[in-house]
């Protein structure tokens, strides 16, 4: 397999941006860098999106009691830097989702009910709320975390900030929580080349198709398509094995991307009987399903 020359052997001092595409990120041949989303207002169809989110949630959690803003006891309120640091430390390796909000922010009030809903359905994720204009202590916390616009969502694991977003809607919030906090779904989490080889050997005898989702931690299209990957992993569990690797997790993963000639993400590698038989680059749901069915021999 061809390799990429000088494919991020070490972080370069001029790593500033990823080239963004509608369905994937282009990884430059000589460097890899991170995309920072520009600030924007919440989408104009926010209320429509909200209703659709509620319908989807009701279908997924049949019989559950409808959440309201008042029923938010699972969202921990933070009032100082000391409380914030203690909450991160207590969470250990769990995903921590923090909403930085303000009492006079309409957008903060609109997005908060979705945070409450997520706190009730994602039991392995810790949710925090910081009202930046509550007191001098919360203002100091926002200054330390460099928060200058609300609502602002920060994602932490093991005391480290791994992602942040501003002015996002419900779909993006749900996608981020699933992508960064997925520990118990049917998708196998891959952390190095040895994990890939082990997975391939495990399914040589049963001849199951393996779909390996290769992405990056801060890749918008990777986050966008991941809920579809989770859903397919449950629907196709009898015939297909789904796995995921974040290429920028460590040097072993990055070398795997280089060796597999992965230059755009997300890239889905299709593996059967220990051999890579194809790939799909992009985040189109219909196209991904079509490719999976093709390599299953259905199409």
Protein backbone atom coordinates (compact mmCIF):
# COMPACT_ATOMS: atom_id res chain seq x y z
CA UNK A 1 0.00 0.00 0.00
CA UNK A 2 1.34 3.44 -0.95
CA UNK A 3 2.23 5.78 1.86
CA UNK A 4 2.07 9.56 2.35
CA UNK A 5 5.44 11.28 2.39
CA UNK A 6 6.21 12.99 5.71
CA UNK A 7 2.72 12.20 7.06
CA UNK A 8 2.90 13.93 10.43
CA UNK A 9 5.89 12.18 11.95
CA UNK A 10 5.82 14.87 14.64
CA UNK A 11 3.51 17.86 15.16
CA UNK A 12 4.67 20.78 13.05
CA UNK A 13 4.73 24.34 14.45
CA UNK A 14 2.60 25.58 11.54
CA UNK A 15 -0.34 23.20 12.08
CA UNK A 16 -3.24 25.62 11.76
CA UNK A 17 -6.15 24.27 9.72
CA UNK A 18 -7.68 21.33 7.93
CA UNK A 19 -9.03 21.75 4.43
CA UNK A 20 -12.78 21.28 4.85
CA UNK A 21 -15.04 19.49 2.37
CA UNK A 22 -18.78 18.92 2.50
CA UNK A 23 -18.43 15.26 3.36
CA UNK A 24 -14.83 14.73 4.44
CA UNK A 25 -11.60 16.39 5.57
CA UNK A 26 -8.59 16.39 3.25
CA UNK A 27 -5.40 15.45 5.07
CA UNK A 28 -2.47 17.30 3.45
CA UNK A 29 0.35 15.01 2.38
CA UNK A 30 2.93 16.82 4.49
CA UNK A 31 0.93 17.75 7.59
CA UNK A 32 -2.20 17.15 9.62
CA UNK A 33 -3.93 19.92 11.51
CA UNK A 34 -7.20 20.74 13.20
CA UNK A 35 -10.25 22.63 11.96
CA UNK A 36 -11.72 25.30 14.20
CA UNK A 37 -15.40 25.93 13.56
CA UNK A 38 -16.31 29.60 13.03
CA UNK A 39 -18.83 31.20 15.32
CA UNK A 40 -22.39 31.25 14.11
CA UNK A 41 -25.91 31.66 15.38
CA UNK A 42 -28.12 28.70 16.10
CA UNK A 43 -29.82 27.41 12.91
CA UNK A 44 -32.95 29.21 11.76
CA UNK A 45 -34.89 25.93 11.80
CA UNK A 46 -33.92 25.28 15.41
CA UNK A 47 -37.52 24.74 16.58
CA UNK A 48 -38.19 22.26 13.76
CA UNK A 49 -34.98 20.45 14.64
CA UNK A 50 -36.01 20.45 18.30
CA UNK A 51 -39.37 18.81 17.54
CA UNK A 52 -37.70 16.23 15.31
CA UNK A 53 -35.15 15.49 18.04
CA UNK A 54 -37.96 14.93 20.55
CA UNK A 55 -39.76 12.55 18.17
CA UNK A 56 -36.57 10.55 17.57
CA UNK A 57 -35.85 10.41 21.30
CA UNK A 58 -39.38 9.30 22.11
CA UNK A 59 -39.10 6.49 19.59
CA UNK A 60 -35.71 5.37 20.93
CA UNK A 61 -36.79 5.46 24.57
CA UNK A 62 -40.35 4.21 24.46
CA UNK A 63 -42.16 4.49 27.77
CA UNK A 64 -39.71 7.03 29.20
CA UNK A 65 -41.08 9.97 31.14
CA UNK A 66 -40.79 13.22 29.17
CA UNK A 67 -38.03 15.43 30.55
CA UNK A 68 -38.54 19.07 31.38
CA UNK A 69 -36.13 21.82 32.28
CA UNK A 70 -37.18 21.45 35.91
CA UNK A 71 -36.23 17.77 35.92
CA UNK A 72 -32.55 18.48 35.47
CA UNK A 73 -31.08 16.98 38.60
CA UNK A 74 -28.57 14.96 36.55
CA UNK A 75 -26.97 18.15 35.25
CA UNK A 76 -24.55 19.32 37.93
CA UNK A 77 -24.47 23.07 38.54
CA UNK A 78 -20.96 24.49 38.93
CA UNK A 79 -20.37 27.70 40.90
CA UNK A 80 -16.58 28.05 41.12
CA UNK A 81 -13.22 26.93 39.73
CA UNK A 82 -12.79 24.61 42.71
CA UNK A 83 -16.10 22.85 42.04
CA UNK A 84 -15.28 22.59 38.35
CA UNK A 85 -11.87 20.99 38.90
CA UNK A 86 -13.30 18.61 41.50
CA UNK A 87 -16.06 17.50 39.09
CA UNK A 88 -13.52 16.79 36.33
CA UNK A 89 -11.33 14.85 38.72
CA UNK A 90 -14.25 12.80 40.07
CA UNK A 91 -15.33 11.86 36.54
CA UNK A 92 -11.99 10.07 35.95
CA UNK A 93 -12.06 8.67 32.39
CA UNK A 94 -15.74 9.37 31.74
CA UNK A 95 -16.72 11.95 29.16
CA UNK A 96 -17.62 15.30 30.77
CA UNK A 97 -19.85 17.67 28.78
CA UNK A 98 -19.89 21.26 30.04
CA UNK A 99 -22.34 23.90 28.89
CA UNK A 100 -21.18 27.44 29.56
CA UNK A 101 -24.32 29.59 29.51
CA UNK A 102 -25.74 32.95 30.60
CA UNK A 103 -29.05 33.86 32.17
CA UNK A 104 -29.91 36.44 29.51
CA UNK A 105 -28.89 34.24 26.55
CA UNK A 106 -31.89 33.05 24.51
CA UNK A 107 -29.78 30.44 22.74
CA UNK A 108 -28.59 29.06 26.08
CA UNK A 109 -32.20 28.63 27.16
CA UNK A 110 -33.10 26.92 23.87
CA UNK A 111 -30.31 24.32 23.93
CA UNK A 112 -30.44 23.50 27.65
CA UNK A 113 -33.49 21.14 27.49
CA UNK A 114 -31.55 18.92 25.09
CA UNK A 115 -28.65 18.76 27.54
CA UNK A 116 -31.13 17.66 30.20
CA UNK A 117 -32.54 14.95 27.92
CA UNK A 118 -29.04 13.67 27.17
CA UNK A 119 -28.19 13.59 30.88
CA UNK A 120 -31.13 11.23 31.44
CA UNK A 121 -30.24 8.82 28.62
CA UNK A 122 -26.41 8.84 28.71
CA UNK A 123 -25.65 7.40 32.13
CA UNK A 124 -21.91 7.05 31.48
CA UNK A 125 -21.46 10.75 30.68
CA UNK A 126 -21.15 13.57 33.23
CA UNK A 127 -23.01 16.80 32.40
CA UNK A 128 -22.12 20.17 33.96
CA UNK A 129 -23.67 23.63 33.69
CA UNK A 130 -21.78 26.87 34.31
CA UNK A 131 -23.75 30.13 34.34
CA UNK A 132 -21.01 32.57 33.43
CA UNK A 133 -22.87 35.65 34.65
CA UNK A 134 -23.91 34.12 37.98
CA UNK A 135 -21.06 35.51 40.08
CA UNK A 136 -17.46 36.68 40.06
CA UNK A 137 -16.40 33.08 40.67
CA UNK A 138 -18.12 31.73 37.55
CA UNK A 139 -16.81 34.69 35.55
CA UNK A 140 -13.30 33.77 36.68
CA UNK A 141 -13.90 30.17 35.57
CA UNK A 142 -15.04 31.34 32.13
CA UNK A 143 -12.00 33.56 31.83
CA UNK A 144 -9.69 30.68 32.72
CA UNK A 145 -11.37 28.42 30.17
CA UNK A 146 -11.31 31.24 27.57
CA UNK A 147 -15.08 31.32 27.09
CA UNK A 148 -16.16 34.49 25.28
CA UNK A 149 -19.44 33.37 23.69
CA UNK A 150 -22.40 31.33 24.95
CA UNK A 151 -23.74 28.76 24.68
CA UNK A 152 -20.32 27.11 24.57
CA UNK A 153 -19.83 23.35 24.98
CA UNK A 154 -16.54 21.86 26.14
CA UNK A 155 -15.79 18.13 26.26
CA UNK A 156 -13.28 16.65 28.71
CA UNK A 157 -11.79 13.24 29.41
CA UNK A 158 -9.30 12.48 32.15
CA UNK A 159 -9.08 16.20 33.07
CA UNK A 160 -8.13 17.09 29.47
CA UNK A 161 -10.22 19.15 27.07
CA UNK A 162 -10.69 17.07 23.92
CA UNK A 163 -13.21 19.14 21.97
CA UNK A 164 -15.30 22.32 22.08
CA UNK A 165 -18.16 23.84 20.09
CA UNK A 166 -20.06 27.13 19.94
CA UNK A 167 -23.55 27.93 18.65
CA UNK A 168 -24.50 24.34 17.84
CA UNK A 169 -27.95 22.80 17.47
CA UNK A 170 -29.39 19.62 19.02
CA UNK A 171 -28.24 17.26 16.27
CA UNK A 172 -24.63 18.40 16.57
CA UNK A 173 -24.77 18.18 20.37
CA UNK A 174 -26.12 14.62 20.25
CA UNK A 175 -23.54 13.65 17.63
CA UNK A 176 -20.68 15.05 19.70
CA UNK A 177 -21.81 13.19 22.84
CA UNK A 178 -22.09 9.90 20.94
CA UNK A 179 -18.76 10.38 19.17
CA UNK A 180 -16.66 11.36 22.17
CA UNK A 181 -18.51 9.35 24.83
CA UNK A 182 -19.23 6.05 23.09
CA UNK A 183 -17.95 3.28 25.37
CA UNK A 184 -20.66 0.64 25.33
CA UNK A 185 -22.11 0.42 21.83
CA UNK A 186 -21.62 -2.47 19.42
CA UNK A 187 -18.83 -0.53 17.69
CA UNK A 188 -15.41 -1.99 18.57
CA UNK A 189 -12.98 0.72 19.70
CA UNK A 190 -9.57 0.35 18.03
CA UNK A 191 -6.50 1.96 19.62
CA UNK A 192 -3.55 0.59 17.62
CA UNK A 193 -2.52 -1.65 14.72
CA UNK A 194 -2.47 -4.71 16.98
CA UNK A 195 -6.18 -4.20 17.74
CA UNK A 196 -6.90 -4.19 13.99
CA UNK A 197 -4.96 -7.41 13.44
CA UNK A 198 -6.66 -9.09 16.40
CA UNK A 199 -10.11 -8.13 15.07
CA UNK A 200 -9.25 -9.43 11.61
CA UNK A 201 -8.05 -12.77 12.98
CA UNK A 202 -11.18 -13.13 15.11
CA UNK A 203 -13.42 -13.00 12.06
CA UNK A 204 -11.49 -15.04 9.52
CA UNK A 205 -13.49 -18.16 10.31
CA UNK A 206 -16.97 -16.63 10.46
CA UNK A 207 -16.25 -14.58 7.28
CA UNK A 208 -18.02 -11.51 8.67
CA UNK A 209 -17.47 -8.22 6.90
CA UNK A 210 -15.54 -5.74 9.07
CA UNK A 211 -16.26 -2.03 8.56
CA UNK A 212 -13.48 0.07 10.09
CA UNK A 213 -14.40 3.74 10.53
CA UNK A 214 -11.17 5.78 10.45
CA UNK A 215 -11.48 9.40 11.56
CA UNK A 216 -9.99 12.18 13.67
CA UNK A 217 -10.99 13.56 17.05
CA UNK A 218 -11.89 17.02 15.73
CA UNK A 219 -13.38 16.06 12.36
CA UNK A 220 -16.90 17.44 11.87
CA UNK A 221 -17.98 14.93 9.17
CA UNK A 222 -16.64 12.06 11.33
CA UNK A 223 -18.86 13.20 14.18
CA UNK A 224 -21.81 13.70 11.84
CA UNK A 225 -21.79 10.16 10.45
CA UNK A 226 -21.04 8.33 13.71
CA UNK A 227 -24.67 8.02 14.93
CA UNK A 228 -25.37 6.18 11.66
CA UNK A 229 -22.44 3.86 12.36
CA UNK A 230 -23.85 3.07 15.81
CA UNK A 231 -27.32 2.39 14.40
CA UNK A 232 -25.96 0.12 11.64
CA UNK A 233 -23.80 -1.76 14.15
CA UNK A 234 -26.98 -2.80 15.97
CA UNK A 235 -29.06 -3.52 12.88
CA UNK A 236 -26.36 -5.58 11.14
CA UNK A 237 -24.83 -7.28 14.19
CA UNK A 238 -25.40 -10.77 12.77
CA UNK A 239 -23.45 -10.20 9.57
CA UNK A 240 -21.20 -7.13 9.95
CA UNK A 241 -18.65 -6.03 12.58
CA UNK A 242 -18.19 -2.28 12.99
CA UNK A 243 -15.04 -0.77 14.47
CA UNK A 244 -13.64 2.73 14.92
CA UNK A 245 -10.17 4.25 15.07
CA UNK A 246 -9.23 7.88 15.73
CA UNK A 247 -6.09 8.35 13.68
CA UNK A 248 -4.74 11.12 15.89
CA UNK A 249 -5.11 9.12 19.13
CA UNK A 250 -1.48 7.99 19.15
CA UNK A 251 1.54 7.29 16.93
CA UNK A 252 0.45 3.71 16.20
CA UNK A 253 -2.90 4.89 14.83
CA UNK A 254 -1.25 7.62 12.79
CA UNK A 255 1.18 5.13 11.28
CA UNK A 256 -1.76 2.88 10.41
CA UNK A 257 -3.39 5.76 8.51
CA UNK A 258 -0.13 6.34 6.66
CA UNK A 259 0.31 2.67 5.78
CA UNK A 260 -3.31 2.38 4.60
CA UNK A 261 -2.91 5.50 2.45
CA UNK A 262 -5.72 7.30 4.26
CA UNK A 263 -5.60 10.93 3.13
CA UNK A 264 -9.22 11.96 3.78
CA UNK A 265 -11.51 11.32 6.73
CA UNK A 266 -13.82 9.73 7.46
CA UNK A 267 -12.56 6.72 5.51
CA UNK A 268 -14.34 3.37 5.90
CA UNK A 269 -12.17 0.32 5.25
CA UNK A 270 -13.99 -2.91 4.33
CA UNK A 271 -12.20 -6.05 5.50
CA UNK A 272 -13.11 -9.70 4.92
CA UNK A 273 -11.12 -12.88 5.60
CA UNK A 274 -8.14 -10.84 6.78
CA UNK A 275 -7.90 -8.75 3.61
CA UNK A 276 -8.94 -5.16 2.84
CA UNK A 277 -11.39 -5.49 -0.03
CA UNK A 278 -12.46 -1.86 -0.48
CA UNK A 279 -13.02 1.57 1.03
CA UNK A 280 -15.49 4.44 1.07
CA UNK A 281 -14.47 8.05 1.71
CA UNK A 282 -17.14 10.47 2.95
CA UNK A 283 -19.97 10.91 5.43
CA UNK A 284 -23.02 10.28 3.24
CA UNK A 285 -25.39 7.92 5.06
CA UNK A 286 -26.98 6.47 1.92
CA UNK A 287 -23.64 6.03 0.17
CA UNK A 288 -22.17 4.28 3.22
CA UNK A 289 -25.08 1.85 3.47
CA UNK A 290 -24.83 1.16 -0.27
CA UNK A 291 -21.12 0.38 -0.01
CA UNK A 292 -21.69 -1.96 2.95
CA UNK A 293 -24.38 -3.85 1.04
CA UNK A 294 -22.10 -4.06 -1.99
CA UNK A 295 -19.28 -5.66 -0.05
CA UNK A 296 -21.78 -7.97 1.64
CA UNK A 297 -22.72 -9.16 -1.83
CA UNK A 298 -26.30 -7.91 -1.56
CA UNK A 299 -25.97 -5.39 -4.43
